[in-house]
Amino acid sequence: MRLFIAILVEPFKEYLLSLQNFPEKFTYPKEFHLTLKFLGEVQDTAIITSALAKVKSPFFTLTLNTLGYFGITEIRTLWVGLKETAEITTLQQRIENILSFPKESNFHPHITIARVKNAPIIEIQKRISSIQMEQRSIDIREFCLIKSTLTPIGPHYEIIERFSLGNL
């Protein structure tokens, strides 16, 4: 099964949906999350859940702060960036260190709001620069191991296990 580790950001959902007002050639997620670690295809979750249960981290706050995109000559993904804090970086590193998967080269906390296919970069840059981001925050008390099933209408997510924070 295809797995990833993430923080669910349901309280941001209405606001994130309101930011998805871009032209055609975009696909929009219906559920939002902050990916801490993409694992890919995994046969057995027992070792992963056992390891993740050992991750210790305090509660913390996530704050939306920027709107941006990935891509240099062609934009592929639009995202909302999160204020980088020591707590989120430490949690991500602890997850990286406890699992025996290849390490991420650079962690950039963000929430994907759209995937792009063949849209003019200048048009998207203008649109992004015209949007005033609201500085919204939520308290984070858990992270999740999530199964992702790809379907013709987009990915379907299923929570496999929840892991509480604040367990220092």
N, C-alpha and C. Protein backbone atom coordinates (compact mmCIF):
# COMPACT_ATOMS: atom_id res chain seq x y z
N MET A 1 0.83 -1.18 0.00
CA MET A 1 0.00 0.00 0.00
C MET A 1 0.88 1.25 0.00
N ARG A 2 0.37 2.33 -0.55
CA ARG A 2 1.09 3.60 -0.69
C ARG A 2 0.84 4.43 0.56
N LEU A 3 1.92 4.76 1.30
CA LEU A 3 1.77 5.42 2.59
C LEU A 3 2.55 6.74 2.67
N PHE A 4 2.05 7.60 3.53
CA PHE A 4 2.80 8.81 3.90
C PHE A 4 2.42 9.20 5.32
N ILE A 5 3.25 10.04 5.92
CA ILE A 5 3.03 10.52 7.27
C ILE A 5 2.72 12.01 7.16
N ALA A 6 1.64 12.45 7.83
CA ALA A 6 1.20 13.83 7.64
C ALA A 6 0.50 14.38 8.87
N ILE A 7 0.35 15.68 8.85
CA ILE A 7 -0.48 16.40 9.81
C ILE A 7 -1.72 16.84 9.05
N LEU A 8 -2.89 16.49 9.57
CA LEU A 8 -4.14 16.91 8.95
C LEU A 8 -4.44 18.35 9.38
N VAL A 9 -4.95 19.14 8.45
CA VAL A 9 -5.18 20.56 8.71
C VAL A 9 -6.64 20.94 8.42
N GLU A 10 -7.56 20.13 8.90
CA GLU A 10 -8.99 20.33 8.66
C GLU A 10 -9.48 21.75 9.00
N PRO A 11 -9.03 22.37 10.10
CA PRO A 11 -9.51 23.73 10.40
C PRO A 11 -9.17 24.77 9.32
N PHE A 12 -8.17 24.51 8.49
CA PHE A 12 -7.81 25.41 7.40
C PHE A 12 -8.64 25.15 6.13
N LYS A 13 -9.44 24.09 6.11
CA LYS A 13 -10.05 23.62 4.86
C LYS A 13 -10.84 24.70 4.12
N GLU A 14 -11.76 25.38 4.78
CA GLU A 14 -12.59 26.39 4.10
C GLU A 14 -11.72 27.48 3.47
N TYR A 15 -10.74 27.93 4.21
CA TYR A 15 -9.87 28.98 3.70
C TYR A 15 -9.05 28.48 2.51
N LEU A 16 -8.49 27.28 2.61
CA LEU A 16 -7.69 26.73 1.51
C LEU A 16 -8.54 26.53 0.26
N LEU A 17 -9.78 26.08 0.43
CA LEU A 17 -10.68 25.93 -0.71
C LEU A 17 -10.93 27.29 -1.38
N SER A 18 -11.00 28.35 -0.59
CA SER A 18 -11.24 29.68 -1.16
C SER A 18 -10.06 30.18 -1.99
N LEU A 19 -8.87 29.62 -1.75
CA LEU A 19 -7.68 30.01 -2.52
C LEU A 19 -7.58 29.28 -3.86
N GLN A 20 -8.44 28.30 -4.08
CA GLN A 20 -8.36 27.47 -5.30
C GLN A 20 -9.12 28.09 -6.46
N ASN A 21 -9.04 29.37 -6.62
CA ASN A 21 -9.76 30.06 -7.67
C ASN A 21 -8.82 30.43 -8.81
N PHE A 22 -8.36 29.40 -9.52
CA PHE A 22 -7.44 29.60 -10.63
C PHE A 22 -8.09 29.09 -11.91
N PRO A 23 -7.50 29.41 -13.07
CA PRO A 23 -8.10 28.99 -14.35
C PRO A 23 -8.04 27.48 -14.57
N GLU A 24 -8.62 27.06 -15.70
CA GLU A 24 -8.60 25.64 -16.05
C GLU A 24 -7.17 25.11 -16.11
N LYS A 25 -7.03 23.82 -16.32
CA LYS A 25 -5.76 23.11 -16.35
C LYS A 25 -5.18 22.91 -14.95
N PHE A 26 -6.00 23.11 -13.94
CA PHE A 26 -5.60 22.87 -12.56
C PHE A 26 -6.43 21.72 -12.02
N THR A 27 -5.82 20.92 -11.18
CA THR A 27 -6.59 19.93 -10.41
C THR A 27 -6.42 20.30 -8.95
N TYR A 28 -7.50 20.15 -8.20
CA TYR A 28 -7.52 20.62 -6.82
C TYR A 28 -7.76 19.48 -5.84
N PRO A 29 -6.92 19.39 -4.80
CA PRO A 29 -7.21 18.41 -3.76
C PRO A 29 -8.46 18.82 -2.98
N LYS A 30 -9.17 17.83 -2.47
CA LYS A 30 -10.37 18.10 -1.68
C LYS A 30 -10.06 18.01 -0.18
N GLU A 31 -8.98 17.33 0.13
CA GLU A 31 -8.52 17.21 1.51
C GLU A 31 -7.10 17.77 1.58
N PHE A 32 -6.76 18.35 2.70
CA PHE A 32 -5.47 19.02 2.82
C PHE A 32 -4.66 18.44 3.98
N HIS A 33 -3.35 18.44 3.80
CA HIS A 33 -2.45 17.94 4.84
C HIS A 33 -1.05 18.50 4.62
N LEU A 34 -0.26 18.42 5.65
CA LEU A 34 1.16 18.75 5.60
C LEU A 34 1.91 17.43 5.62
N THR A 35 2.54 17.07 4.52
CA THR A 35 3.29 15.82 4.45
C THR A 35 4.60 15.98 5.21
N LEU A 36 4.80 15.08 6.17
CA LEU A 36 6.06 15.05 6.92
C LEU A 36 7.05 14.09 6.30
N LYS A 37 6.52 12.99 5.72
CA LYS A 37 7.39 11.99 5.09
C LYS A 37 6.54 11.14 4.15
N PHE A 38 6.95 11.07 2.88
CA PHE A 38 6.31 10.16 1.92
C PHE A 38 7.08 8.85 1.97
N LEU A 39 6.38 7.75 2.19
CA LEU A 39 7.03 6.44 2.29
C LEU A 39 6.94 5.64 0.99
N GLY A 40 5.90 5.85 0.21
CA GLY A 40 5.71 5.07 -1.02
C GLY A 40 5.08 3.73 -0.71
N GLU A 41 5.38 2.75 -1.55
CA GLU A 41 4.78 1.41 -1.40
C GLU A 41 5.40 0.66 -0.21
N VAL A 42 4.54 0.23 0.69
CA VAL A 42 4.96 -0.49 1.89
C VAL A 42 4.05 -1.71 2.05
N GLN A 43 4.64 -2.86 2.33
CA GLN A 43 3.86 -4.09 2.47
C GLN A 43 3.29 -4.26 3.87
N ASP A 44 4.08 -3.95 4.88
CA ASP A 44 3.68 -4.21 6.26
C ASP A 44 3.80 -2.93 7.07
N THR A 45 2.70 -2.52 7.71
CA THR A 45 2.72 -1.27 8.48
C THR A 45 3.14 -1.46 9.93
N ALA A 46 3.23 -2.69 10.41
CA ALA A 46 3.50 -2.94 11.83
C ALA A 46 4.82 -2.31 12.29
N ILE A 47 5.88 -2.46 11.52
CA ILE A 47 7.18 -1.90 11.91
C ILE A 47 7.12 -0.37 11.91
N ILE A 48 6.43 0.19 10.94
CA ILE A 48 6.32 1.65 10.84
C ILE A 48 5.51 2.20 12.00
N THR A 49 4.35 1.61 12.29
CA THR A 49 3.54 2.12 13.40
C THR A 49 4.25 1.96 14.73
N SER A 50 4.97 0.89 14.90
CA SER A 50 5.74 0.68 16.13
C SER A 50 6.81 1.76 16.29
N ALA A 51 7.52 2.07 15.22
CA ALA A 51 8.56 3.11 15.26
C ALA A 51 7.95 4.49 15.51
N LEU A 52 6.87 4.81 14.80
CA LEU A 52 6.26 6.13 14.94
C LEU A 52 5.68 6.35 16.33
N ALA A 53 5.24 5.30 16.98
CA ALA A 53 4.72 5.41 18.35
C ALA A 53 5.79 5.88 19.32
N LYS A 54 7.06 5.73 18.95
CA LYS A 54 8.17 6.14 19.81
C LYS A 54 8.59 7.60 19.60
N VAL A 55 8.03 8.25 18.59
CA VAL A 55 8.39 9.64 18.31
C VAL A 55 7.82 10.55 19.39
N LYS A 56 8.68 11.34 20.00
CA LYS A 56 8.29 12.27 21.06
C LYS A 56 8.39 13.70 20.54
N SER A 57 7.34 14.47 20.78
CA SER A 57 7.32 15.85 20.33
C SER A 57 6.26 16.62 21.11
N PRO A 58 6.52 17.90 21.41
CA PRO A 58 5.50 18.70 22.10
C PRO A 58 4.39 19.13 21.14
N PHE A 59 3.29 19.60 21.70
CA PHE A 59 2.27 20.26 20.89
C PHE A 59 2.91 21.48 20.25
N PHE A 60 2.34 21.94 19.14
CA PHE A 60 2.84 23.17 18.53
C PHE A 60 1.75 23.80 17.68
N THR A 61 2.03 24.96 17.14
CA THR A 61 1.08 25.70 16.33
C THR A 61 1.59 25.79 14.89
N LEU A 62 0.69 25.58 13.94
CA LEU A 62 1.00 25.80 12.52
C LEU A 62 0.36 27.11 12.10
N THR A 63 1.13 27.92 11.36
CA THR A 63 0.62 29.20 10.88
C THR A 63 0.84 29.32 9.38
N LEU A 64 -0.24 29.62 8.65
CA LEU A 64 -0.13 29.88 7.21
C LEU A 64 0.60 31.20 7.02
N ASN A 65 1.51 31.26 6.02
CA ASN A 65 2.18 32.55 5.84
C ASN A 65 2.48 32.95 4.41
N THR A 66 2.49 32.03 3.44
CA THR A 66 2.82 32.43 2.07
C THR A 66 2.03 31.59 1.07
N LEU A 67 1.97 32.10 -0.13
CA LEU A 67 1.41 31.35 -1.25
C LEU A 67 2.53 31.24 -2.28
N GLY A 68 2.79 30.04 -2.78
CA GLY A 68 3.89 29.88 -3.71
C GLY A 68 3.69 28.71 -4.65
N TYR A 69 4.75 28.34 -5.34
CA TYR A 69 4.68 27.25 -6.31
C TYR A 69 6.03 26.56 -6.42
N PHE A 70 5.98 25.32 -6.90
CA PHE A 70 7.18 24.57 -7.22
C PHE A 70 7.31 24.55 -8.73
N GLY A 71 8.51 24.76 -9.21
CA GLY A 71 8.80 24.77 -10.63
C GLY A 71 9.59 26.03 -10.98
N ILE A 72 10.45 25.90 -11.96
CA ILE A 72 11.26 27.06 -12.36
C ILE A 72 10.80 27.56 -13.73
N THR A 73 10.83 26.68 -14.72
CA THR A 73 10.38 27.08 -16.06
C THR A 73 8.90 26.71 -16.27
N GLU A 74 8.42 25.78 -15.47
CA GLU A 74 7.03 25.35 -15.59
C GLU A 74 6.50 25.05 -14.18
N ILE A 75 5.39 25.67 -13.84
CA ILE A 75 4.80 25.47 -12.52
C ILE A 75 4.04 24.15 -12.50
N ARG A 76 4.31 23.34 -11.49
CA ARG A 76 3.66 22.04 -11.33
C ARG A 76 2.70 21.99 -10.15
N THR A 77 3.05 22.73 -9.08
CA THR A 77 2.28 22.65 -7.85
C THR A 77 2.15 24.04 -7.23
N LEU A 78 0.93 24.38 -6.82
CA LEU A 78 0.70 25.60 -6.04
C LEU A 78 0.54 25.16 -4.59
N TRP A 79 1.10 25.95 -3.67
CA TRP A 79 1.05 25.56 -2.27
C TRP A 79 0.90 26.77 -1.36
N VAL A 80 0.44 26.48 -0.14
CA VAL A 80 0.43 27.46 0.92
C VAL A 80 1.56 27.07 1.87
N GLY A 81 2.48 27.99 2.08
CA GLY A 81 3.60 27.73 2.97
C GLY A 81 3.21 27.96 4.42
N LEU A 82 3.92 27.24 5.28
CA LEU A 82 3.69 27.36 6.71
C LEU A 82 4.91 27.99 7.36
N LYS A 83 4.68 28.77 8.38
CA LYS A 83 5.79 29.37 9.11
C LYS A 83 6.66 28.24 9.66
N GLU A 84 7.94 28.27 9.31
CA GLU A 84 8.85 27.23 9.80
C GLU A 84 9.19 27.50 11.25
N THR A 85 8.96 26.47 12.07
CA THR A 85 9.27 26.58 13.49
C THR A 85 10.20 25.43 13.88
N ALA A 86 10.86 25.59 14.99
CA ALA A 86 11.74 24.52 15.47
C ALA A 86 10.94 23.25 15.74
N GLU A 87 9.71 23.40 16.23
CA GLU A 87 8.88 22.23 16.58
C GLU A 87 8.54 21.39 15.35
N ILE A 88 8.13 22.03 14.25
CA ILE A 88 7.76 21.27 13.06
C ILE A 88 8.99 20.64 12.42
N THR A 89 10.09 21.39 12.38
CA THR A 89 11.32 20.85 11.82
C THR A 89 11.84 19.67 12.65
N THR A 90 11.79 19.81 13.97
CA THR A 90 12.25 18.74 14.86
C THR A 90 11.38 17.50 14.71
N LEU A 91 10.06 17.68 14.64
CA LEU A 91 9.17 16.52 14.47
C LEU A 91 9.49 15.81 13.17
N GLN A 92 9.65 16.55 12.08
CA GLN A 92 9.96 15.93 10.80
C GLN A 92 11.29 15.18 10.85
N GLN A 93 12.29 15.77 11.49
CA GLN A 93 13.59 15.12 11.60
C GLN A 93 13.53 13.87 12.47
N ARG A 94 12.75 13.92 13.53
CA ARG A 94 12.60 12.74 14.39
C ARG A 94 11.95 11.59 13.63
N ILE A 95 10.97 11.90 12.81
CA ILE A 95 10.33 10.88 11.98
C ILE A 95 11.34 10.33 10.99
N GLU A 96 12.08 11.21 10.33
CA GLU A 96 13.12 10.79 9.38
C GLU A 96 14.12 9.84 10.05
N ASN A 97 14.56 10.21 11.25
CA ASN A 97 15.60 9.45 11.93
C ASN A 97 15.15 8.10 12.46
N ILE A 98 13.88 7.97 12.79
CA ILE A 98 13.41 6.71 13.38
C ILE A 98 13.04 5.66 12.32
N LEU A 99 12.86 6.11 11.09
CA LEU A 99 12.48 5.19 10.00
C LEU A 99 13.69 4.89 9.13
N SER A 100 13.69 3.71 8.55
CA SER A 100 14.80 3.32 7.67
C SER A 100 14.41 3.50 6.20
N PHE A 101 14.04 4.74 5.87
CA PHE A 101 13.70 5.12 4.49
C PHE A 101 14.70 6.18 4.05
N PRO A 102 14.87 6.37 2.75
CA PRO A 102 15.77 7.44 2.30
C PRO A 102 15.34 8.80 2.88
N LYS A 103 16.32 9.59 3.25
CA LYS A 103 16.07 10.90 3.86
C LYS A 103 15.66 11.92 2.81
N GLU A 104 14.79 12.86 3.22
CA GLU A 104 14.40 13.97 2.37
C GLU A 104 15.61 14.91 2.24
N SER A 105 15.82 15.47 1.06
CA SER A 105 16.96 16.36 0.88
C SER A 105 16.73 17.72 1.55
N ASN A 106 15.52 18.25 1.43
CA ASN A 106 15.20 19.50 2.13
C ASN A 106 13.69 19.52 2.39
N PHE A 107 13.34 19.75 3.63
CA PHE A 107 11.95 19.79 4.06
C PHE A 107 11.44 21.21 3.97
N HIS A 108 10.35 21.40 3.24
CA HIS A 108 9.72 22.71 3.08
C HIS A 108 8.25 22.56 3.49
N PRO A 109 7.90 22.96 4.72
CA PRO A 109 6.52 22.74 5.17
C PRO A 109 5.50 23.52 4.32
N HIS A 110 4.61 22.78 3.69
CA HIS A 110 3.60 23.40 2.83
C HIS A 110 2.38 22.51 2.72
N ILE A 111 1.30 23.10 2.23
CA ILE A 111 0.06 22.39 1.96
C ILE A 111 -0.26 22.60 0.48
N THR A 112 -0.33 21.53 -0.29
CA THR A 112 -0.64 21.64 -1.71
C THR A 112 -2.09 22.05 -1.89
N ILE A 113 -2.32 23.09 -2.72
CA ILE A 113 -3.70 23.50 -3.00
C ILE A 113 -4.09 23.27 -4.46
N ALA A 114 -3.11 23.02 -5.35
CA ALA A 114 -3.45 22.75 -6.76
C ALA A 114 -2.27 22.10 -7.46
N ARG A 115 -2.61 21.27 -8.43
CA ARG A 115 -1.63 20.71 -9.37
C ARG A 115 -1.89 21.39 -10.71
N VAL A 116 -0.83 21.66 -11.45
CA VAL A 116 -0.94 22.47 -12.66
C VAL A 116 -0.46 21.67 -13.86
N LYS A 117 -1.17 21.83 -14.98
CA LYS A 117 -0.74 21.23 -16.25
C LYS A 117 -0.75 22.29 -17.32
N ASN A 118 0.44 22.63 -17.83
CA ASN A 118 0.59 23.53 -18.98
C ASN A 118 -0.07 24.89 -18.82
N ALA A 119 0.06 25.50 -17.66
CA ALA A 119 -0.48 26.85 -17.48
C ALA A 119 0.64 27.87 -17.64
N PRO A 120 0.35 29.03 -18.23
CA PRO A 120 1.37 30.05 -18.42
C PRO A 120 1.93 30.54 -17.08
N ILE A 121 3.25 30.50 -16.93
CA ILE A 121 3.90 30.85 -15.66
C ILE A 121 3.65 32.31 -15.29
N ILE A 122 3.67 33.20 -16.26
CA ILE A 122 3.48 34.63 -15.99
C ILE A 122 2.10 34.88 -15.40
N GLU A 123 1.10 34.24 -15.97
CA GLU A 123 -0.29 34.39 -15.50
C GLU A 123 -0.42 33.93 -14.04
N ILE A 124 0.20 32.81 -13.73
CA ILE A 124 0.11 32.27 -12.37
C ILE A 124 0.87 33.17 -11.39
N GLN A 125 2.05 33.63 -11.79
CA GLN A 125 2.82 34.52 -10.92
C GLN A 125 2.03 35.79 -10.60
N LYS A 126 1.38 36.37 -11.61
CA LYS A 126 0.57 37.58 -11.39
C LYS A 126 -0.56 37.29 -10.42
N ARG A 127 -1.22 36.17 -10.64
CA ARG A 127 -2.36 35.79 -9.80
C ARG A 127 -1.92 35.58 -8.35
N ILE A 128 -0.82 34.88 -8.17
CA ILE A 128 -0.32 34.61 -6.82
C ILE A 128 0.06 35.91 -6.11
N SER A 129 0.73 36.82 -6.83
CA SER A 129 1.17 38.07 -6.20
C SER A 129 -0.01 38.97 -5.82
N SER A 130 -1.18 38.75 -6.42
CA SER A 130 -2.34 39.59 -6.11
C SER A 130 -3.13 39.08 -4.90
N ILE A 131 -2.80 37.90 -4.40
CA ILE A 131 -3.56 37.31 -3.28
C ILE A 131 -2.92 37.71 -1.96
N GLN A 132 -3.73 38.24 -1.07
CA GLN A 132 -3.29 38.58 0.29
C GLN A 132 -3.56 37.39 1.20
N MET A 133 -2.49 36.78 1.70
CA MET A 133 -2.64 35.62 2.59
C MET A 133 -3.07 36.07 3.99
N GLU A 134 -4.01 35.34 4.55
CA GLU A 134 -4.40 35.57 5.93
C GLU A 134 -3.49 34.73 6.82
N GLN A 135 -3.03 35.29 7.91
CA GLN A 135 -2.16 34.60 8.85
C GLN A 135 -3.01 33.79 9.82
N ARG A 136 -3.44 32.63 9.39
CA ARG A 136 -4.28 31.76 10.23
C ARG A 136 -3.42 30.72 10.92
N SER A 137 -3.82 30.34 12.14
CA SER A 137 -3.07 29.37 12.93
C SER A 137 -3.98 28.29 13.51
N ILE A 138 -3.42 27.10 13.70
CA ILE A 138 -4.11 26.02 14.39
C ILE A 138 -3.12 25.30 15.30
N ASP A 139 -3.65 24.75 16.38
CA ASP A 139 -2.83 23.95 17.29
C ASP A 139 -2.77 22.52 16.79
N ILE A 140 -1.58 21.93 16.83
CA ILE A 140 -1.36 20.57 16.35
C ILE A 140 -1.12 19.65 17.55
N ARG A 141 -1.90 18.59 17.62
CA ARG A 141 -1.81 17.66 18.74
C ARG A 141 -1.53 16.22 18.29
N GLU A 142 -1.44 16.01 16.95
CA GLU A 142 -1.18 14.66 16.46
C GLU A 142 -0.66 14.69 15.04
N PHE A 143 -0.07 13.56 14.63
CA PHE A 143 0.26 13.33 13.23
C PHE A 143 -0.28 11.95 12.89
N CYS A 144 -0.36 11.62 11.60
CA CYS A 144 -1.01 10.39 11.16
C CYS A 144 -0.19 9.62 10.13
N LEU A 145 -0.37 8.32 10.14
CA LEU A 145 0.10 7.46 9.04
C LEU A 145 -1.11 7.28 8.15
N ILE A 146 -0.94 7.60 6.86
CA ILE A 146 -2.08 7.65 5.95
C ILE A 146 -1.82 6.78 4.72
N LYS A 147 -2.84 6.04 4.34
CA LYS A 147 -2.82 5.25 3.11
C LYS A 147 -3.42 6.10 2.00
N SER A 148 -2.74 6.13 0.86
CA SER A 148 -3.20 6.90 -0.29
C SER A 148 -3.50 5.93 -1.43
N THR A 149 -4.73 5.94 -1.90
CA THR A 149 -5.12 5.13 -3.04
C THR A 149 -5.41 6.05 -4.21
N LEU A 150 -4.67 5.90 -5.30
CA LEU A 150 -4.88 6.74 -6.47
C LEU A 150 -6.08 6.24 -7.25
N THR A 151 -6.98 7.17 -7.61
CA THR A 151 -8.18 6.84 -8.38
C THR A 151 -8.28 7.82 -9.55
N PRO A 152 -9.11 7.54 -10.55
CA PRO A 152 -9.27 8.47 -11.67
C PRO A 152 -9.77 9.86 -11.26
N ILE A 153 -10.43 9.96 -10.10
CA ILE A 153 -10.94 11.26 -9.67
C ILE A 153 -10.06 11.89 -8.58
N GLY A 154 -8.86 11.34 -8.40
CA GLY A 154 -7.94 11.89 -7.42
C GLY A 154 -7.66 10.89 -6.32
N PRO A 155 -6.69 11.20 -5.46
CA PRO A 155 -6.32 10.27 -4.40
C PRO A 155 -7.40 10.16 -3.31
N HIS A 156 -7.50 8.98 -2.75
CA HIS A 156 -8.39 8.74 -1.61
C HIS A 156 -7.49 8.44 -0.41
N TYR A 157 -7.71 9.14 0.70
CA TYR A 157 -6.88 8.98 1.88
C TYR A 157 -7.62 8.23 2.97
N GLU A 158 -6.89 7.36 3.64
CA GLU A 158 -7.44 6.61 4.77
C GLU A 158 -6.42 6.63 5.90
N ILE A 159 -6.85 7.07 7.07
CA ILE A 159 -5.95 7.11 8.22
C ILE A 159 -5.74 5.69 8.73
N ILE A 160 -4.48 5.29 8.78
CA ILE A 160 -4.12 3.97 9.29
C ILE A 160 -3.93 4.04 10.81
N GLU A 161 -3.25 5.10 11.28
CA GLU A 161 -2.96 5.24 12.71
C GLU A 161 -2.73 6.71 13.02
N ARG A 162 -3.16 7.11 14.23
CA ARG A 162 -2.93 8.47 14.74
C ARG A 162 -1.88 8.37 15.85
N PHE A 163 -1.00 9.40 15.93
CA PHE A 163 0.05 9.44 16.93
C PHE A 163 -0.03 10.77 17.67
N SER A 164 -0.21 10.71 18.96
CA SER A 164 -0.36 11.92 19.77
C SER A 164 0.96 12.62 20.00
N LEU A 165 0.87 13.95 20.02
CA LEU A 165 2.02 14.77 20.39
C LEU A 165 1.87 15.17 21.87
N GLY A 166 2.88 15.79 22.39
CA GLY A 166 2.85 16.20 23.78
C GLY A 166 3.33 15.11 24.70
N ASN A 167 3.84 14.03 24.12
CA ASN A 167 4.27 12.86 24.89
C ASN A 167 5.78 12.89 25.13
N LEU A 168 6.22 13.88 25.87
CA LEU A 168 7.66 14.02 26.13
C LEU A 168 8.07 13.28 27.38
